[in-house]
Amino acid sequence: MQQNNAFDNEKLNSLVKGFFHKIHADDLLQNLFKDHDQERIQHHPQTFLSHGFGENQYSQTEIADAHNQLSISDEHFESMVNHFITTLDENGYSEEERNKVREVLRGYKNDVTGKA
């Protein structure tokens, strides 16, 4: 089975670095991540990407449970998605790929923000 180009190690490393650089530079978002183990959350961009390309799916309950102790607003959520999509663009993902990932991530919005 051929590996999906979206999961190329070099691309993933660049994606993770770029995404977290944006998150930590964003006044709105940096406080959401400052008290979390940075090594532990480094897999999040790959998880977002795998969901976007249909490689993996978490249930709505799993997503809600993973975020229920966080105070993530609609504004936080949209900012994170926008940073992720911008990072995909900077790493050579096509508009079609970016739109697909954006659609999948937005499908989790209510679960992540606690409005499920």
N, C-alpha and C. Protein backbone atom coordinates (compact mmCIF):
# COMPACT_ATOMS: atom_id res chain seq x y z
N MET A 1 0.84 -1.19 0.00
CA MET A 1 0.00 0.00 0.00
C MET A 1 0.88 1.24 0.00
N GLN A 2 0.62 2.15 -0.90
CA GLN A 2 1.43 3.37 -1.00
C GLN A 2 0.99 4.37 0.06
N GLN A 3 1.96 5.00 0.68
CA GLN A 3 1.68 5.98 1.72
C GLN A 3 1.09 7.24 1.09
N ASN A 4 0.04 7.76 1.70
CA ASN A 4 -0.58 9.00 1.25
C ASN A 4 0.47 10.11 1.36
N ASN A 5 0.64 10.88 0.30
CA ASN A 5 1.62 11.97 0.28
C ASN A 5 1.36 12.97 1.41
N ALA A 6 0.11 13.05 1.86
CA ALA A 6 -0.24 13.97 2.94
C ALA A 6 0.47 13.61 4.23
N PHE A 7 0.95 12.37 4.33
CA PHE A 7 1.57 11.90 5.55
C PHE A 7 3.08 11.73 5.42
N ASP A 8 3.68 12.32 4.42
CA ASP A 8 5.13 12.31 4.25
C ASP A 8 5.77 12.90 5.51
N ASN A 9 6.79 12.22 6.07
CA ASN A 9 7.39 12.64 7.33
C ASN A 9 7.92 14.07 7.30
N GLU A 10 8.57 14.44 6.22
CA GLU A 10 9.11 15.80 6.12
C GLU A 10 7.99 16.83 6.13
N LYS A 11 6.92 16.54 5.39
CA LYS A 11 5.76 17.44 5.37
C LYS A 11 5.12 17.53 6.75
N LEU A 12 4.98 16.39 7.40
CA LEU A 12 4.36 16.39 8.73
C LEU A 12 5.18 17.18 9.73
N ASN A 13 6.49 17.03 9.71
CA ASN A 13 7.35 17.79 10.63
C ASN A 13 7.20 19.28 10.40
N SER A 14 7.18 19.68 9.15
CA SER A 14 7.01 21.09 8.81
C SER A 14 5.63 21.58 9.24
N LEU A 15 4.64 20.74 9.04
CA LEU A 15 3.27 21.08 9.41
C LEU A 15 3.14 21.29 10.92
N VAL A 16 3.67 20.37 11.69
CA VAL A 16 3.60 20.47 13.15
C VAL A 16 4.31 21.74 13.63
N LYS A 17 5.51 21.96 13.13
CA LYS A 17 6.28 23.13 13.53
C LYS A 17 5.55 24.43 13.17
N GLY A 18 5.06 24.51 11.94
CA GLY A 18 4.36 25.71 11.49
C GLY A 18 3.08 25.98 12.25
N PHE A 19 2.30 24.92 12.47
CA PHE A 19 1.03 25.07 13.16
C PHE A 19 1.25 25.56 14.59
N PHE A 20 2.15 24.93 15.32
CA PHE A 20 2.36 25.33 16.71
C PHE A 20 3.03 26.70 16.81
N HIS A 21 3.83 27.06 15.84
CA HIS A 21 4.39 28.42 15.82
C HIS A 21 3.26 29.44 15.75
N LYS A 22 2.28 29.18 14.89
CA LYS A 22 1.14 30.09 14.76
C LYS A 22 0.31 30.13 16.05
N ILE A 23 0.06 28.96 16.63
CA ILE A 23 -0.74 28.89 17.86
C ILE A 23 -0.07 29.66 18.99
N HIS A 24 1.23 29.46 19.16
CA HIS A 24 1.95 30.11 20.26
C HIS A 24 2.14 31.60 20.03
N ALA A 25 2.02 32.06 18.80
CA ALA A 25 2.15 33.48 18.50
C ALA A 25 0.79 34.19 18.52
N ASP A 26 -0.28 33.45 18.65
CA ASP A 26 -1.63 34.01 18.61
C ASP A 26 -2.07 34.34 20.03
N ASP A 27 -2.29 35.62 20.32
CA ASP A 27 -2.70 36.05 21.66
C ASP A 27 -3.98 35.37 22.13
N LEU A 28 -4.88 35.08 21.20
CA LEU A 28 -6.13 34.44 21.55
C LEU A 28 -5.93 32.99 21.98
N LEU A 29 -4.98 32.29 21.36
CA LEU A 29 -4.84 30.86 21.56
C LEU A 29 -3.72 30.41 22.48
N GLN A 30 -2.69 31.21 22.63
CA GLN A 30 -1.51 30.75 23.35
C GLN A 30 -1.82 30.29 24.77
N ASN A 31 -2.77 30.92 25.43
CA ASN A 31 -3.10 30.52 26.80
C ASN A 31 -3.78 29.16 26.88
N LEU A 32 -4.45 28.75 25.80
CA LEU A 32 -5.09 27.43 25.80
C LEU A 32 -4.06 26.30 25.82
N PHE A 33 -2.85 26.58 25.33
CA PHE A 33 -1.84 25.54 25.18
C PHE A 33 -0.70 25.64 26.17
N LYS A 34 -0.58 26.76 26.87
CA LYS A 34 0.61 26.97 27.69
C LYS A 34 0.76 25.99 28.85
N ASP A 35 -0.33 25.49 29.40
CA ASP A 35 -0.26 24.59 30.55
C ASP A 35 -0.33 23.12 30.16
N HIS A 36 -0.20 22.82 28.87
CA HIS A 36 -0.27 21.44 28.41
C HIS A 36 1.11 20.94 28.00
N ASP A 37 1.31 19.66 28.19
CA ASP A 37 2.55 19.01 27.80
C ASP A 37 2.71 19.14 26.29
N GLN A 38 3.68 19.95 25.88
CA GLN A 38 3.86 20.25 24.46
C GLN A 38 4.22 19.02 23.63
N GLU A 39 4.99 18.11 24.21
CA GLU A 39 5.32 16.88 23.48
C GLU A 39 4.08 16.03 23.27
N ARG A 40 3.21 15.99 24.25
CA ARG A 40 2.01 15.17 24.17
C ARG A 40 1.05 15.66 23.09
N ILE A 41 0.99 16.98 22.88
CA ILE A 41 0.04 17.51 21.91
C ILE A 41 0.63 17.67 20.51
N GLN A 42 1.86 17.29 20.33
CA GLN A 42 2.49 17.44 19.00
C GLN A 42 1.83 16.56 17.94
N HIS A 43 1.08 15.55 18.35
CA HIS A 43 0.40 14.68 17.37
C HIS A 43 -0.88 15.31 16.83
N HIS A 44 -1.36 16.39 17.43
CA HIS A 44 -2.64 16.97 17.01
C HIS A 44 -2.70 17.34 15.53
N PRO A 45 -1.70 18.01 14.97
CA PRO A 45 -1.81 18.30 13.54
C PRO A 45 -1.92 17.05 12.67
N GLN A 46 -1.19 16.00 13.02
CA GLN A 46 -1.29 14.76 12.25
C GLN A 46 -2.69 14.16 12.42
N THR A 47 -3.24 14.25 13.61
CA THR A 47 -4.60 13.75 13.85
C THR A 47 -5.60 14.54 13.02
N PHE A 48 -5.46 15.88 13.00
CA PHE A 48 -6.35 16.70 12.18
C PHE A 48 -6.26 16.27 10.72
N LEU A 49 -5.04 16.09 10.26
CA LEU A 49 -4.80 15.73 8.87
C LEU A 49 -5.38 14.36 8.55
N SER A 50 -5.17 13.40 9.43
CA SER A 50 -5.69 12.06 9.17
C SER A 50 -7.21 12.05 9.13
N HIS A 51 -7.84 12.86 9.95
CA HIS A 51 -9.30 12.97 9.91
C HIS A 51 -9.74 13.62 8.60
N GLY A 52 -9.04 14.65 8.21
CA GLY A 52 -9.39 15.37 7.00
C GLY A 52 -9.33 14.51 5.75
N PHE A 53 -8.43 13.54 5.74
CA PHE A 53 -8.28 12.67 4.58
C PHE A 53 -8.94 11.31 4.80
N GLY A 54 -9.79 11.21 5.83
CA GLY A 54 -10.56 10.00 6.05
C GLY A 54 -9.77 8.80 6.52
N GLU A 55 -8.58 9.02 7.04
CA GLU A 55 -7.73 7.93 7.50
C GLU A 55 -8.11 7.45 8.89
N ASN A 56 -8.78 8.26 9.64
CA ASN A 56 -9.09 7.94 11.03
C ASN A 56 -10.32 8.74 11.43
N GLN A 57 -11.10 8.22 12.30
CA GLN A 57 -12.26 8.95 12.79
C GLN A 57 -12.43 8.68 14.28
N TYR A 58 -12.62 9.74 15.03
CA TYR A 58 -13.00 9.60 16.42
C TYR A 58 -14.50 9.82 16.49
N SER A 59 -15.14 9.21 17.46
CA SER A 59 -16.57 9.44 17.64
C SER A 59 -16.78 10.84 18.22
N GLN A 60 -17.99 11.33 18.07
CA GLN A 60 -18.32 12.63 18.64
C GLN A 60 -18.13 12.61 20.15
N THR A 61 -18.44 11.50 20.78
CA THR A 61 -18.27 11.36 22.23
C THR A 61 -16.80 11.45 22.61
N GLU A 62 -15.92 10.79 21.86
CA GLU A 62 -14.48 10.84 22.14
C GLU A 62 -13.94 12.26 22.00
N ILE A 63 -14.37 12.95 20.96
CA ILE A 63 -13.93 14.34 20.74
C ILE A 63 -14.44 15.22 21.88
N ALA A 64 -15.70 15.09 22.22
CA ALA A 64 -16.28 15.90 23.30
C ALA A 64 -15.57 15.62 24.63
N ASP A 65 -15.34 14.35 24.93
CA ASP A 65 -14.67 13.98 26.18
C ASP A 65 -13.25 14.53 26.25
N ALA A 66 -12.54 14.53 25.14
CA ALA A 66 -11.16 15.02 25.12
C ALA A 66 -11.07 16.53 25.32
N HIS A 67 -12.15 17.24 25.06
CA HIS A 67 -12.12 18.70 25.14
C HIS A 67 -13.02 19.28 26.23
N ASN A 68 -13.70 18.43 26.99
CA ASN A 68 -14.70 18.94 27.93
C ASN A 68 -14.14 19.75 29.09
N GLN A 69 -12.87 19.64 29.38
CA GLN A 69 -12.26 20.42 30.47
C GLN A 69 -11.64 21.72 29.98
N LEU A 70 -11.75 21.96 28.68
CA LEU A 70 -11.17 23.16 28.10
C LEU A 70 -12.25 24.18 27.80
N SER A 71 -11.90 25.42 27.85
CA SER A 71 -12.86 26.48 27.54
C SER A 71 -12.57 27.00 26.13
N ILE A 72 -13.01 26.23 25.14
CA ILE A 72 -12.75 26.59 23.75
C ILE A 72 -14.01 27.23 23.19
N SER A 73 -13.89 28.49 22.82
CA SER A 73 -15.02 29.22 22.24
C SER A 73 -15.06 29.00 20.73
N ASP A 74 -16.13 29.47 20.12
CA ASP A 74 -16.24 29.42 18.65
C ASP A 74 -15.06 30.16 18.02
N GLU A 75 -14.70 31.29 18.62
CA GLU A 75 -13.59 32.10 18.10
C GLU A 75 -12.26 31.33 18.19
N HIS A 76 -12.01 30.67 19.31
CA HIS A 76 -10.81 29.84 19.46
C HIS A 76 -10.79 28.76 18.38
N PHE A 77 -11.92 28.07 18.24
CA PHE A 77 -12.00 26.96 17.29
C PHE A 77 -11.71 27.44 15.87
N GLU A 78 -12.37 28.51 15.45
CA GLU A 78 -12.17 29.01 14.08
C GLU A 78 -10.74 29.48 13.87
N SER A 79 -10.14 30.08 14.88
CA SER A 79 -8.76 30.53 14.76
C SER A 79 -7.82 29.34 14.58
N MET A 80 -8.04 28.28 15.36
CA MET A 80 -7.20 27.08 15.22
C MET A 80 -7.35 26.46 13.83
N VAL A 81 -8.59 26.35 13.37
CA VAL A 81 -8.82 25.79 12.04
C VAL A 81 -8.14 26.66 10.98
N ASN A 82 -8.29 27.97 11.09
CA ASN A 82 -7.65 28.86 10.11
C ASN A 82 -6.14 28.74 10.13
N HIS A 83 -5.54 28.64 11.32
CA HIS A 83 -4.09 28.46 11.39
C HIS A 83 -3.69 27.13 10.76
N PHE A 84 -4.48 26.11 10.99
CA PHE A 84 -4.16 24.80 10.42
C PHE A 84 -4.25 24.84 8.89
N ILE A 85 -5.31 25.45 8.37
CA ILE A 85 -5.49 25.52 6.92
C ILE A 85 -4.39 26.36 6.29
N THR A 86 -4.01 27.46 6.92
CA THR A 86 -2.91 28.29 6.42
C THR A 86 -1.61 27.49 6.40
N THR A 87 -1.40 26.69 7.44
CA THR A 87 -0.19 25.87 7.50
C THR A 87 -0.20 24.81 6.40
N LEU A 88 -1.36 24.23 6.12
CA LEU A 88 -1.47 23.28 5.01
C LEU A 88 -1.09 23.96 3.69
N ASP A 89 -1.60 25.17 3.49
CA ASP A 89 -1.30 25.93 2.28
C ASP A 89 0.20 26.17 2.16
N GLU A 90 0.82 26.56 3.24
CA GLU A 90 2.27 26.82 3.24
C GLU A 90 3.09 25.57 2.99
N ASN A 91 2.49 24.41 3.20
CA ASN A 91 3.20 23.15 3.01
C ASN A 91 2.78 22.42 1.74
N GLY A 92 2.17 23.15 0.83
CA GLY A 92 1.91 22.61 -0.50
C GLY A 92 0.65 21.79 -0.68
N TYR A 93 -0.25 21.82 0.28
CA TYR A 93 -1.51 21.09 0.10
C TYR A 93 -2.40 21.88 -0.84
N SER A 94 -3.13 21.18 -1.69
CA SER A 94 -3.97 21.82 -2.69
C SER A 94 -5.20 22.47 -2.04
N GLU A 95 -5.84 23.34 -2.80
CA GLU A 95 -7.06 23.96 -2.31
C GLU A 95 -8.13 22.90 -2.03
N GLU A 96 -8.22 21.91 -2.87
CA GLU A 96 -9.17 20.82 -2.66
C GLU A 96 -8.87 20.08 -1.36
N GLU A 97 -7.60 19.79 -1.11
CA GLU A 97 -7.21 19.11 0.13
C GLU A 97 -7.52 19.98 1.34
N ARG A 98 -7.20 21.26 1.25
CA ARG A 98 -7.46 22.18 2.37
C ARG A 98 -8.96 22.29 2.66
N ASN A 99 -9.76 22.38 1.60
CA ASN A 99 -11.21 22.47 1.79
C ASN A 99 -11.78 21.21 2.43
N LYS A 100 -11.26 20.07 2.04
CA LYS A 100 -11.72 18.80 2.60
C LYS A 100 -11.39 18.74 4.10
N VAL A 101 -10.17 19.11 4.46
CA VAL A 101 -9.76 19.11 5.86
C VAL A 101 -10.59 20.11 6.65
N ARG A 102 -10.79 21.32 6.10
CA ARG A 102 -11.58 22.35 6.78
C ARG A 102 -13.00 21.83 7.07
N GLU A 103 -13.61 21.20 6.09
CA GLU A 103 -14.97 20.68 6.25
C GLU A 103 -15.03 19.63 7.35
N VAL A 104 -14.09 18.72 7.36
CA VAL A 104 -14.08 17.67 8.38
C VAL A 104 -13.87 18.27 9.77
N LEU A 105 -12.89 19.16 9.90
CA LEU A 105 -12.62 19.77 11.20
C LEU A 105 -13.82 20.55 11.71
N ARG A 106 -14.46 21.30 10.83
CA ARG A 106 -15.63 22.08 11.25
C ARG A 106 -16.78 21.18 11.68
N GLY A 107 -16.78 19.95 11.21
CA GLY A 107 -17.79 18.99 11.65
C GLY A 107 -17.67 18.63 13.12
N TYR A 108 -16.52 18.90 13.71
CA TYR A 108 -16.28 18.62 15.13
C TYR A 108 -16.49 19.84 16.02
N LYS A 109 -16.84 20.96 15.43
CA LYS A 109 -16.90 22.23 16.18
C LYS A 109 -17.75 22.15 17.44
N ASN A 110 -18.96 21.66 17.34
CA ASN A 110 -19.83 21.61 18.53
C ASN A 110 -19.29 20.69 19.61
N ASP A 111 -18.63 19.61 19.18
CA ASP A 111 -18.05 18.68 20.16
C ASP A 111 -16.87 19.31 20.88
N VAL A 112 -16.06 20.04 20.16
CA VAL A 112 -14.87 20.67 20.73
C VAL A 112 -15.24 21.86 21.62
N THR A 113 -16.26 22.61 21.22
CA THR A 113 -16.65 23.79 21.99
C THR A 113 -17.67 23.50 23.09
N GLY A 114 -18.06 22.24 23.20
CA GLY A 114 -19.00 21.85 24.26
C GLY A 114 -20.45 22.14 23.96
N LYS A 115 -20.77 22.33 22.69
CA LYS A 115 -22.16 22.64 22.31
C LYS A 115 -22.85 21.43 21.70
N ALA A 116 -22.28 20.27 21.96
CA ALA A 116 -22.84 19.04 21.37
C ALA A 116 -24.14 18.64 22.01
